[in-house]
Amino acid sequence: MPDVLAAIMLWLHIASIAILVGGLLYGSLALRSMAGVAPPDVEQSISERTAARFRPRVYVAIIALVFSGIYNLLSTPGHSTRYEILFAIKILLVLHVFAVAILAVRPNAQRRARMMYGAAISGLIVILLSAYLRRIF
C-alpha cells in the first residue's frame, strides 16, 4: 500500500506543477499575443475573466503541491548536503512562483502577462532543479 500512496502523491505533485506552470505560461503567451490586437478595454475584460477562471486552479494547485511535496520529502529521508542546498534554492523559487501566481490572478492586476511569464520561467527552473535532485538522491 505505501507504494501506491507514494505513486499517487508523486502524480499529484507532477500534475499540480503542470497545471500551475503550464497555465501561467499559456496565460502569459495568450495575453501577450492579444496586446495591441484588441482594444484596451476588451483586452482588460478578457484578462480579468481568464484570471478569474484560473484563480481557483492556482489555489488548488498550490495546496496540492505543498501537501504532496511535504509527503514526498518526508517519505525519502537521508539527503546529502548538496541535495539540501539545491532543495533550499528550489523552495525559494517555488515561493516566488506561488506568490507571483497569486498576485497575477488577483482582480485588476497590473502587468499580469509579465508576472505570469516570470513565474512560468521560475517554474520551469524549478522543474529542472527537481529533475536534477531526483538524479542525485
N, C-alpha and C. Protein backbone atom coordinates (compact mmCIF):
# COMPACT_ATOMS: atom_id res chain seq x y z
N MET A 1 0.80 -1.21 0.00
CA MET A 1 0.00 0.00 0.00
C MET A 1 0.84 1.28 0.00
N PRO A 2 1.99 1.32 0.73
CA PRO A 2 2.80 2.55 0.70
C PRO A 2 3.28 2.89 -0.71
N ASP A 3 3.55 1.89 -1.55
CA ASP A 3 3.98 2.18 -2.91
C ASP A 3 2.88 2.86 -3.71
N VAL A 4 1.65 2.45 -3.50
CA VAL A 4 0.52 3.06 -4.21
C VAL A 4 0.35 4.51 -3.75
N LEU A 5 0.44 4.73 -2.45
CA LEU A 5 0.31 6.09 -1.92
C LEU A 5 1.44 6.98 -2.43
N ALA A 6 2.66 6.46 -2.46
CA ALA A 6 3.80 7.23 -2.97
C ALA A 6 3.60 7.58 -4.44
N ALA A 7 3.09 6.64 -5.22
CA ALA A 7 2.84 6.90 -6.64
C ALA A 7 1.75 7.95 -6.82
N ILE A 8 0.71 7.87 -6.02
CA ILE A 8 -0.37 8.85 -6.10
C ILE A 8 0.13 10.25 -5.72
N MET A 9 0.94 10.32 -4.67
CA MET A 9 1.45 11.62 -4.25
C MET A 9 2.43 12.21 -5.27
N LEU A 10 3.23 11.37 -5.89
CA LEU A 10 4.13 11.85 -6.93
C LEU A 10 3.33 12.34 -8.14
N TRP A 11 2.30 11.58 -8.51
CA TRP A 11 1.44 12.00 -9.62
C TRP A 11 0.76 13.33 -9.29
N LEU A 12 0.25 13.46 -8.07
CA LEU A 12 -0.41 14.71 -7.66
C LEU A 12 0.56 15.88 -7.75
N HIS A 13 1.79 15.65 -7.35
CA HIS A 13 2.80 16.70 -7.37
C HIS A 13 3.10 17.12 -8.82
N ILE A 14 3.32 16.14 -9.68
CA ILE A 14 3.64 16.44 -11.08
C ILE A 14 2.45 17.08 -11.79
N ALA A 15 1.26 16.56 -11.57
CA ALA A 15 0.06 17.12 -12.21
C ALA A 15 -0.18 18.56 -11.75
N SER A 16 0.03 18.82 -10.48
CA SER A 16 -0.20 20.18 -9.95
C SER A 16 0.79 21.18 -10.52
N ILE A 17 2.05 20.78 -10.63
CA ILE A 17 3.04 21.71 -11.19
C ILE A 17 2.78 21.91 -12.68
N ALA A 18 2.31 20.88 -13.36
CA ALA A 18 1.99 21.03 -14.78
C ALA A 18 0.84 22.02 -14.96
N ILE A 19 -0.17 21.92 -14.12
CA ILE A 19 -1.31 22.83 -14.21
C ILE A 19 -0.88 24.26 -13.88
N LEU A 20 -0.10 24.43 -12.82
CA LEU A 20 0.29 25.77 -12.40
C LEU A 20 1.25 26.41 -13.41
N VAL A 21 2.34 25.75 -13.72
CA VAL A 21 3.34 26.33 -14.62
C VAL A 21 2.80 26.40 -16.05
N GLY A 22 2.12 25.35 -16.48
CA GLY A 22 1.54 25.36 -17.82
C GLY A 22 0.50 26.46 -17.98
N GLY A 23 -0.34 26.63 -16.97
CA GLY A 23 -1.35 27.69 -17.02
C GLY A 23 -0.74 29.08 -17.03
N LEU A 24 0.32 29.26 -16.24
CA LEU A 24 1.00 30.56 -16.22
C LEU A 24 1.66 30.85 -17.56
N LEU A 25 2.31 29.85 -18.12
CA LEU A 25 2.98 30.04 -19.41
C LEU A 25 1.97 30.32 -20.52
N TYR A 26 0.92 29.51 -20.56
CA TYR A 26 -0.11 29.72 -21.59
C TYR A 26 -0.78 31.09 -21.41
N GLY A 27 -1.12 31.42 -20.18
CA GLY A 27 -1.78 32.70 -19.92
C GLY A 27 -0.92 33.87 -20.33
N SER A 28 0.37 33.81 -20.03
CA SER A 28 1.24 34.93 -20.39
C SER A 28 1.37 35.04 -21.91
N LEU A 29 1.51 33.91 -22.58
CA LEU A 29 1.64 33.94 -24.05
C LEU A 29 0.35 34.42 -24.71
N ALA A 30 -0.79 33.97 -24.17
CA ALA A 30 -2.07 34.38 -24.74
C ALA A 30 -2.30 35.88 -24.53
N LEU A 31 -1.99 36.37 -23.33
CA LEU A 31 -2.19 37.79 -23.05
C LEU A 31 -1.23 38.65 -23.87
N ARG A 32 0.00 38.19 -24.03
CA ARG A 32 0.97 38.95 -24.82
C ARG A 32 0.60 38.98 -26.30
N SER A 33 0.06 37.89 -26.81
CA SER A 33 -0.31 37.86 -28.22
C SER A 33 -1.54 38.72 -28.49
N MET A 34 -2.35 38.97 -27.46
CA MET A 34 -3.54 39.79 -27.61
C MET A 34 -3.20 41.28 -27.54
N ALA A 35 -2.05 41.61 -26.98
CA ALA A 35 -1.67 43.02 -26.80
C ALA A 35 -1.55 43.72 -28.16
N GLY A 36 -2.23 44.84 -28.27
CA GLY A 36 -2.17 45.63 -29.49
C GLY A 36 -3.13 45.18 -30.58
N VAL A 37 -3.70 43.99 -30.45
CA VAL A 37 -4.63 43.48 -31.46
C VAL A 37 -6.06 43.90 -31.11
N ALA A 38 -6.41 43.74 -29.85
CA ALA A 38 -7.76 44.09 -29.39
C ALA A 38 -7.72 45.47 -28.74
N PRO A 39 -8.85 46.14 -28.71
CA PRO A 39 -8.92 47.41 -27.99
C PRO A 39 -8.58 47.21 -26.51
N PRO A 40 -8.00 48.21 -25.87
CA PRO A 40 -7.58 48.05 -24.47
C PRO A 40 -8.68 47.61 -23.52
N ASP A 41 -9.91 48.11 -23.69
CA ASP A 41 -10.98 47.71 -22.78
C ASP A 41 -11.37 46.24 -22.99
N VAL A 42 -11.33 45.76 -24.22
CA VAL A 42 -11.61 44.35 -24.50
C VAL A 42 -10.49 43.48 -23.95
N GLU A 43 -9.27 43.93 -24.16
CA GLU A 43 -8.10 43.21 -23.65
C GLU A 43 -8.17 43.09 -22.12
N GLN A 44 -8.51 44.17 -21.44
CA GLN A 44 -8.63 44.15 -19.98
C GLN A 44 -9.75 43.23 -19.53
N SER A 45 -10.86 43.25 -20.21
CA SER A 45 -12.00 42.41 -19.87
C SER A 45 -11.65 40.92 -20.01
N ILE A 46 -11.01 40.58 -21.10
CA ILE A 46 -10.62 39.18 -21.32
C ILE A 46 -9.59 38.75 -20.27
N SER A 47 -8.64 39.63 -19.99
CA SER A 47 -7.63 39.34 -18.99
C SER A 47 -8.26 39.08 -17.62
N GLU A 48 -9.20 39.91 -17.24
CA GLU A 48 -9.87 39.75 -15.93
C GLU A 48 -10.68 38.45 -15.86
N ARG A 49 -11.41 38.15 -16.95
CA ARG A 49 -12.23 36.92 -16.94
C ARG A 49 -11.37 35.68 -16.91
N THR A 50 -10.28 35.66 -17.67
CA THR A 50 -9.43 34.47 -17.67
C THR A 50 -8.72 34.31 -16.33
N ALA A 51 -8.31 35.42 -15.72
CA ALA A 51 -7.66 35.34 -14.41
C ALA A 51 -8.65 34.82 -13.37
N ALA A 52 -9.90 35.27 -13.45
CA ALA A 52 -10.92 34.80 -12.50
C ALA A 52 -11.17 33.30 -12.65
N ARG A 53 -11.11 32.80 -13.87
CA ARG A 53 -11.32 31.36 -14.07
C ARG A 53 -10.09 30.55 -13.67
N PHE A 54 -8.91 31.11 -13.81
CA PHE A 54 -7.69 30.40 -13.45
C PHE A 54 -7.41 30.45 -11.95
N ARG A 55 -7.94 31.46 -11.25
CA ARG A 55 -7.67 31.68 -9.82
C ARG A 55 -7.92 30.44 -8.96
N PRO A 56 -9.08 29.76 -9.04
CA PRO A 56 -9.28 28.57 -8.18
C PRO A 56 -8.28 27.46 -8.49
N ARG A 57 -7.90 27.33 -9.74
CA ARG A 57 -6.92 26.30 -10.11
C ARG A 57 -5.56 26.61 -9.50
N VAL A 58 -5.21 27.89 -9.44
CA VAL A 58 -3.95 28.29 -8.82
C VAL A 58 -3.95 27.90 -7.35
N TYR A 59 -5.01 28.21 -6.64
CA TYR A 59 -5.08 27.90 -5.21
C TYR A 59 -5.06 26.39 -4.96
N VAL A 60 -5.81 25.63 -5.74
CA VAL A 60 -5.84 24.18 -5.57
C VAL A 60 -4.47 23.58 -5.89
N ALA A 61 -3.84 24.06 -6.95
CA ALA A 61 -2.51 23.54 -7.32
C ALA A 61 -1.49 23.84 -6.23
N ILE A 62 -1.53 25.03 -5.66
CA ILE A 62 -0.59 25.38 -4.59
C ILE A 62 -0.80 24.49 -3.38
N ILE A 63 -2.04 24.29 -2.98
CA ILE A 63 -2.34 23.43 -1.83
C ILE A 63 -1.87 22.01 -2.11
N ALA A 64 -2.16 21.50 -3.30
CA ALA A 64 -1.75 20.14 -3.65
C ALA A 64 -0.23 20.01 -3.69
N LEU A 65 0.45 21.03 -4.20
CA LEU A 65 1.92 20.99 -4.25
C LEU A 65 2.53 21.00 -2.86
N VAL A 66 2.01 21.82 -1.98
CA VAL A 66 2.54 21.86 -0.61
C VAL A 66 2.31 20.52 0.08
N PHE A 67 1.10 20.02 -0.01
CA PHE A 67 0.75 18.76 0.65
C PHE A 67 1.57 17.59 0.10
N SER A 68 1.61 17.44 -1.21
CA SER A 68 2.33 16.31 -1.81
C SER A 68 3.84 16.50 -1.68
N GLY A 69 4.31 17.74 -1.72
CA GLY A 69 5.74 17.99 -1.55
C GLY A 69 6.24 17.63 -0.17
N ILE A 70 5.48 17.99 0.83
CA ILE A 70 5.85 17.62 2.20
C ILE A 70 5.85 16.10 2.35
N TYR A 71 4.84 15.44 1.81
CA TYR A 71 4.79 13.97 1.88
C TYR A 71 6.00 13.37 1.17
N ASN A 72 6.30 13.83 -0.03
CA ASN A 72 7.42 13.29 -0.80
C ASN A 72 8.75 13.51 -0.09
N LEU A 73 8.92 14.67 0.53
CA LEU A 73 10.16 14.95 1.25
C LEU A 73 10.31 14.06 2.48
N LEU A 74 9.23 13.94 3.26
CA LEU A 74 9.30 13.16 4.48
C LEU A 74 9.39 11.65 4.23
N SER A 75 8.93 11.21 3.08
CA SER A 75 8.97 9.78 2.79
C SER A 75 10.32 9.32 2.23
N THR A 76 11.23 10.27 1.99
CA THR A 76 12.56 9.92 1.48
C THR A 76 13.63 10.63 2.31
N PRO A 77 13.94 10.11 3.52
CA PRO A 77 14.94 10.75 4.37
C PRO A 77 16.37 10.43 3.92
N GLY A 78 17.33 11.12 4.52
CA GLY A 78 18.73 10.83 4.29
C GLY A 78 19.33 11.53 3.09
N HIS A 79 19.12 12.83 2.99
CA HIS A 79 19.64 13.58 1.85
C HIS A 79 21.03 14.13 2.14
N SER A 80 21.82 14.32 1.10
CA SER A 80 23.16 14.88 1.24
C SER A 80 23.09 16.39 1.42
N THR A 81 24.20 16.98 1.79
CA THR A 81 24.27 18.43 1.97
C THR A 81 24.03 19.15 0.64
N ARG A 82 24.61 18.63 -0.43
CA ARG A 82 24.41 19.23 -1.76
C ARG A 82 22.92 19.21 -2.12
N TYR A 83 22.26 18.10 -1.85
CA TYR A 83 20.83 17.98 -2.11
C TYR A 83 20.06 19.04 -1.32
N GLU A 84 20.37 19.18 -0.05
CA GLU A 84 19.64 20.13 0.80
C GLU A 84 19.85 21.58 0.36
N ILE A 85 21.05 21.92 -0.10
CA ILE A 85 21.31 23.28 -0.58
C ILE A 85 20.50 23.55 -1.85
N LEU A 86 20.54 22.63 -2.79
CA LEU A 86 19.77 22.80 -4.03
C LEU A 86 18.27 22.77 -3.75
N PHE A 87 17.86 21.96 -2.78
CA PHE A 87 16.45 21.92 -2.40
C PHE A 87 16.01 23.26 -1.82
N ALA A 88 16.86 23.89 -1.02
CA ALA A 88 16.53 25.21 -0.46
C ALA A 88 16.38 26.25 -1.57
N ILE A 89 17.25 26.20 -2.57
CA ILE A 89 17.14 27.11 -3.72
C ILE A 89 15.83 26.85 -4.45
N LYS A 90 15.51 25.57 -4.61
CA LYS A 90 14.25 25.19 -5.28
C LYS A 90 13.05 25.75 -4.51
N ILE A 91 13.06 25.64 -3.20
CA ILE A 91 11.94 26.13 -2.38
C ILE A 91 11.81 27.65 -2.51
N LEU A 92 12.92 28.37 -2.56
CA LEU A 92 12.84 29.83 -2.75
C LEU A 92 12.19 30.17 -4.09
N LEU A 93 12.57 29.44 -5.13
CA LEU A 93 11.95 29.66 -6.44
C LEU A 93 10.47 29.27 -6.42
N VAL A 94 10.14 28.21 -5.71
CA VAL A 94 8.74 27.79 -5.59
C VAL A 94 7.92 28.87 -4.89
N LEU A 95 8.47 29.45 -3.84
CA LEU A 95 7.76 30.54 -3.15
C LEU A 95 7.55 31.73 -4.08
N HIS A 96 8.53 32.00 -4.93
CA HIS A 96 8.38 33.06 -5.93
C HIS A 96 7.22 32.74 -6.87
N VAL A 97 7.18 31.50 -7.37
CA VAL A 97 6.11 31.09 -8.29
C VAL A 97 4.75 31.22 -7.60
N PHE A 98 4.65 30.73 -6.37
CA PHE A 98 3.38 30.81 -5.64
C PHE A 98 2.93 32.26 -5.44
N ALA A 99 3.84 33.10 -4.96
CA ALA A 99 3.48 34.49 -4.67
C ALA A 99 3.07 35.23 -5.94
N VAL A 100 3.83 35.07 -6.99
CA VAL A 100 3.53 35.80 -8.22
C VAL A 100 2.25 35.26 -8.87
N ALA A 101 2.05 33.95 -8.80
CA ALA A 101 0.82 33.37 -9.36
C ALA A 101 -0.41 33.93 -8.64
N ILE A 102 -0.32 34.02 -7.33
CA ILE A 102 -1.45 34.57 -6.56
C ILE A 102 -1.66 36.04 -6.92
N LEU A 103 -0.58 36.80 -7.05
CA LEU A 103 -0.71 38.22 -7.41
C LEU A 103 -1.22 38.39 -8.84
N ALA A 104 -0.82 37.51 -9.74
CA ALA A 104 -1.20 37.64 -11.15
C ALA A 104 -2.68 37.39 -11.38
N VAL A 105 -3.30 36.55 -10.56
CA VAL A 105 -4.72 36.24 -10.79
C VAL A 105 -5.65 37.11 -9.94
N ARG A 106 -5.09 38.05 -9.21
CA ARG A 106 -5.92 39.00 -8.47
C ARG A 106 -6.66 39.91 -9.42
N PRO A 107 -7.82 40.40 -9.03
CA PRO A 107 -8.52 41.37 -9.88
C PRO A 107 -7.69 42.64 -10.06
N ASN A 108 -7.76 43.20 -11.25
CA ASN A 108 -7.08 44.45 -11.60
C ASN A 108 -5.56 44.39 -11.42
N ALA A 109 -4.97 43.24 -11.67
CA ALA A 109 -3.52 43.11 -11.55
C ALA A 109 -2.84 43.85 -12.71
N GLN A 110 -1.91 44.68 -12.37
CA GLN A 110 -1.13 45.40 -13.38
C GLN A 110 -0.02 44.49 -13.89
N ARG A 111 0.30 44.56 -15.16
CA ARG A 111 1.36 43.76 -15.77
C ARG A 111 1.16 42.25 -15.56
N ARG A 112 -0.08 41.81 -15.70
CA ARG A 112 -0.42 40.40 -15.47
C ARG A 112 0.38 39.45 -16.37
N ALA A 113 0.47 39.76 -17.64
CA ALA A 113 1.19 38.87 -18.57
C ALA A 113 2.66 38.78 -18.18
N ARG A 114 3.25 39.88 -17.79
CA ARG A 114 4.67 39.88 -17.39
C ARG A 114 4.87 39.06 -16.12
N MET A 115 3.99 39.21 -15.15
CA MET A 115 4.10 38.43 -13.92
C MET A 115 3.95 36.94 -14.20
N MET A 116 2.97 36.60 -15.03
CA MET A 116 2.77 35.19 -15.36
C MET A 116 3.98 34.61 -16.07
N TYR A 117 4.57 35.38 -16.97
CA TYR A 117 5.74 34.90 -17.71
C TYR A 117 6.93 34.67 -16.76
N GLY A 118 7.17 35.62 -15.87
CA GLY A 118 8.26 35.47 -14.91
C GLY A 118 8.08 34.28 -14.00
N ALA A 119 6.85 34.08 -13.52
CA ALA A 119 6.57 32.94 -12.65
C ALA A 119 6.70 31.63 -13.42
N ALA A 120 6.29 31.63 -14.69
CA ALA A 120 6.41 30.42 -15.51
C ALA A 120 7.88 30.06 -15.73
N ILE A 121 8.72 31.05 -15.99
CA ILE A 121 10.16 30.80 -16.16
C ILE A 121 10.75 30.24 -14.87
N SER A 122 10.41 30.83 -13.74
CA SER A 122 10.87 30.30 -12.46
C SER A 122 10.36 28.87 -12.25
N GLY A 123 9.13 28.61 -12.65
CA GLY A 123 8.57 27.27 -12.53
C GLY A 123 9.31 26.26 -13.38
N LEU A 124 9.72 26.67 -14.58
CA LEU A 124 10.49 25.77 -15.43
C LEU A 124 11.87 25.50 -14.83
N ILE A 125 12.45 26.48 -14.18
CA ILE A 125 13.72 26.26 -13.49
C ILE A 125 13.52 25.30 -12.31
N VAL A 126 12.41 25.43 -11.61
CA VAL A 126 12.09 24.51 -10.51
C VAL A 126 11.99 23.08 -11.05
N ILE A 127 11.35 22.91 -12.19
CA ILE A 127 11.23 21.57 -12.78
C ILE A 127 12.62 21.03 -13.13
N LEU A 128 13.48 21.86 -13.66
CA LEU A 128 14.85 21.44 -13.98
C LEU A 128 15.60 21.03 -12.71
N LEU A 129 15.51 21.85 -11.67
CA LEU A 129 16.15 21.51 -10.40
C LEU A 129 15.59 20.21 -9.82
N SER A 130 14.29 20.03 -9.93
CA SER A 130 13.66 18.81 -9.42
C SER A 130 14.18 17.58 -10.14
N ALA A 131 14.33 17.68 -11.45
CA ALA A 131 14.86 16.55 -12.22
C ALA A 131 16.28 16.23 -11.79
N TYR A 132 17.09 17.27 -11.55
CA TYR A 132 18.44 17.04 -11.10
C TYR A 132 18.46 16.45 -9.68
N LEU A 133 17.62 16.95 -8.80
CA LEU A 133 17.56 16.43 -7.44
C LEU A 133 17.15 14.97 -7.42
N ARG A 134 16.27 14.56 -8.33
CA ARG A 134 15.88 13.14 -8.43
C ARG A 134 17.08 12.28 -8.78
N ARG A 135 17.98 12.82 -9.59
CA ARG A 135 19.15 12.05 -10.04
C ARG A 135 20.22 11.92 -8.95
N ILE A 136 20.38 12.92 -8.09
CA ILE A 136 21.45 12.88 -7.10
C ILE A 136 21.02 12.28 -5.77
N PHE A 137 19.77 11.93 -5.63
CA PHE A 137 19.32 11.37 -4.35
C PHE A 137 19.77 9.94 -4.22
